[in-house]
Amino acid sequence: MPAIMGFADLSIADIAAEYRLAVSDVMQICTRLDITYRDEGTNLALEDAKAVMLEILGRAQDPAEGDCARARPC
């Protein structure tokens, strides 16, 4: 039986707002991670949302990443 993936109650726009990023930045991360989405209102699967947030947090810890290094959770 295939694993059933739960959905986070977080859209791309929600994640962008939470980490003070442009929606387009979060969409780029989704694209890079091969996460399918329709628009900024797309609710992400739980594992996908976690992957995006880990990517954002990883950039926040790496000063070489430029503007994303300013991202901090609210």
C-alpha atoms as a PDB file:
ATOM      1  CA  MET A   1       0.000   0.000   0.000  1.00  0.00           C
ATOM      2  CA  PRO A   2       1.486   3.395  -0.942  1.00  0.00           C
ATOM      3  CA  ALA A   3       2.177   5.859   1.848  1.00  0.00           C
ATOM      4  CA  ILE A   4      -0.428   8.572   2.214  1.00  0.00           C
ATOM      5  CA  MET A   5       1.127  12.008   2.384  1.00  0.00           C
ATOM      6  CA  GLY A   6      -0.565  14.509   4.658  1.00  0.00           C
ATOM      7  CA  PHE A   7      -0.973  18.122   3.744  1.00  0.00           C
ATOM      8  CA  ALA A   8       0.348  21.010   5.775  1.00  0.00           C
ATOM      9  CA  ASP A   9      -2.062  23.860   6.229  1.00  0.00           C
ATOM     10  CA  LEU A  10       0.585  26.078   4.654  1.00  0.00           C
ATOM     11  CA  SER A  11       0.547  27.608   1.222  1.00  0.00           C
ATOM     12  CA  ILE A  12       3.523  28.994  -0.643  1.00  0.00           C
ATOM     13  CA  ALA A  13       2.278  32.490   0.238  1.00  0.00           C
ATOM     14  CA  ASP A  14       2.060  31.531   3.935  1.00  0.00           C
ATOM     15  CA  ILE A  15       5.634  30.278   3.957  1.00  0.00           C
ATOM     16  CA  ALA A  16       6.835  33.407   2.145  1.00  0.00           C
ATOM     17  CA  ALA A  17       5.112  35.620   4.719  1.00  0.00           C
ATOM     18  CA  GLU A  18       6.399  33.572   7.664  1.00  0.00           C
ATOM     19  CA  TYR A  19      10.015  33.881   6.511  1.00  0.00           C
ATOM     20  CA  ARG A  20       9.670  37.386   5.052  1.00  0.00           C
ATOM     21  CA  LEU A  21      10.545  36.289   1.530  1.00  0.00           C
ATOM     22  CA  ALA A  22       9.043  37.120  -1.829  1.00  0.00           C
ATOM     23  CA  VAL A  23       6.544  34.540  -3.042  1.00  0.00           C
ATOM     24  CA  SER A  24       8.677  34.139  -6.159  1.00  0.00           C
ATOM     25  CA  ASP A  25      11.657  33.109  -3.986  1.00  0.00           C
ATOM     26  CA  VAL A  26       9.617  30.330  -2.377  1.00  0.00           C
ATOM     27  CA  MET A  27       8.331  29.255  -5.798  1.00  0.00           C
ATOM     28  CA  GLN A  28      11.929  29.035  -7.026  1.00  0.00           C
ATOM     29  CA  ILE A  29      12.800  26.793  -4.086  1.00  0.00           C
ATOM     30  CA  CYS A  30       9.794  24.583  -4.893  1.00  0.00           C
ATOM     31  CA  THR A  31      10.887  24.348  -8.514  1.00  0.00           C
ATOM     32  CA  ARG A  32      14.470  23.511  -7.533  1.00  0.00           C
ATOM     33  CA  LEU A  33      13.208  20.788  -5.170  1.00  0.00           C
ATOM     34  CA  ASP A  34      10.834  19.416  -7.857  1.00  0.00           C
ATOM     35  CA  ILE A  35       7.770  20.280  -5.770  1.00  0.00           C
ATOM     36  CA  THR A  36       4.677  20.665  -7.928  1.00  0.00           C
ATOM     37  CA  TYR A  37       2.478  23.708  -7.342  1.00  0.00           C
ATOM     38  CA  ARG A  38      -0.154  25.664  -9.234  1.00  0.00           C
ATOM     39  CA  ASP A  39       0.165  29.134  -7.715  1.00  0.00           C
ATOM     40  CA  GLU A  40       1.017  30.936  -4.462  1.00  0.00           C
ATOM     41  CA  GLY A  41      -2.164  29.610  -2.865  1.00  0.00           C
ATOM     42  CA  THR A  42      -1.171  25.979  -3.308  1.00  0.00           C
ATOM     43  CA  ASN A  43      -1.144  24.107   0.011  1.00  0.00           C
ATOM     44  CA  LEU A  44       1.967  21.969   0.155  1.00  0.00           C
ATOM     45  CA  ALA A  45       2.231  18.373   1.264  1.00  0.00           C
ATOM     46  CA  LEU A  46       3.664  18.135   4.767  1.00  0.00           C
ATOM     47  CA  GLU A  47       7.007  16.711   3.621  1.00  0.00           C
ATOM     48  CA  ASP A  48       7.273  19.322   0.854  1.00  0.00           C
ATOM     49  CA  ALA A  49       6.563  22.184   3.267  1.00  0.00           C
ATOM     50  CA  LYS A  50       9.213  20.834   5.627  1.00  0.00           C
ATOM     51  CA  ALA A  51      11.738  20.574   2.786  1.00  0.00           C
ATOM     52  CA  VAL A  52      11.091  24.177   1.717  1.00  0.00           C
ATOM     53  CA  MET A  53      11.418  25.477   5.272  1.00  0.00           C
ATOM     54  CA  LEU A  54      14.628  23.526   5.845  1.00  0.00           C
ATOM     55  CA  GLU A  55      16.024  25.011   2.633  1.00  0.00           C
ATOM     56  CA  ILE A  56      15.122  28.525   3.813  1.00  0.00           C
ATOM     57  CA  LEU A  57      16.627  27.927   7.257  1.00  0.00           C
ATOM     58  CA  GLY A  58      19.763  26.480   5.682  1.00  0.00           C
ATOM     59  CA  ARG A  59      20.188  29.628   3.614  1.00  0.00           C
ATOM     60  CA  ALA A  60      19.656  31.795   6.714  1.00  0.00           C
ATOM     61  CA  GLN A  61      22.646  30.080   8.322  1.00  0.00           C
ATOM     62  CA  ASP A  62      24.874  30.539   5.255  1.00  0.00           C
ATOM     63  CA  PRO A  63      25.935  34.196   4.887  1.00  0.00           C
ATOM     64  CA  ALA A  64      27.175  33.457   1.356  1.00  0.00           C
ATOM     65  CA  GLU A  65      23.553  33.144   0.190  1.00  0.00           C
ATOM     66  CA  GLY A  66      22.919  36.900   0.069  1.00  0.00           C
ATOM     67  CA  ASP A  67      19.414  38.266   0.684  1.00  0.00           C
ATOM     68  CA  CYS A  68      18.048  34.939   1.878  1.00  0.00           C
ATOM     69  CA  ALA A  69      20.502  35.107   4.775  1.00  0.00           C
ATOM     70  CA  ARG A  70      18.155  37.683   6.332  1.00  0.00           C
ATOM     71  CA  ALA A  71      15.264  35.220   6.460  1.00  0.00           C
ATOM     72  CA  ARG A  72      14.170  34.581  10.019  1.00  0.00           C
ATOM     73  CA  PRO A  73      10.999  32.954  11.293  1.00  0.00           C
ATOM     74  CA  CYS A  74       8.548  35.398  12.834  1.00  0.00           C
END
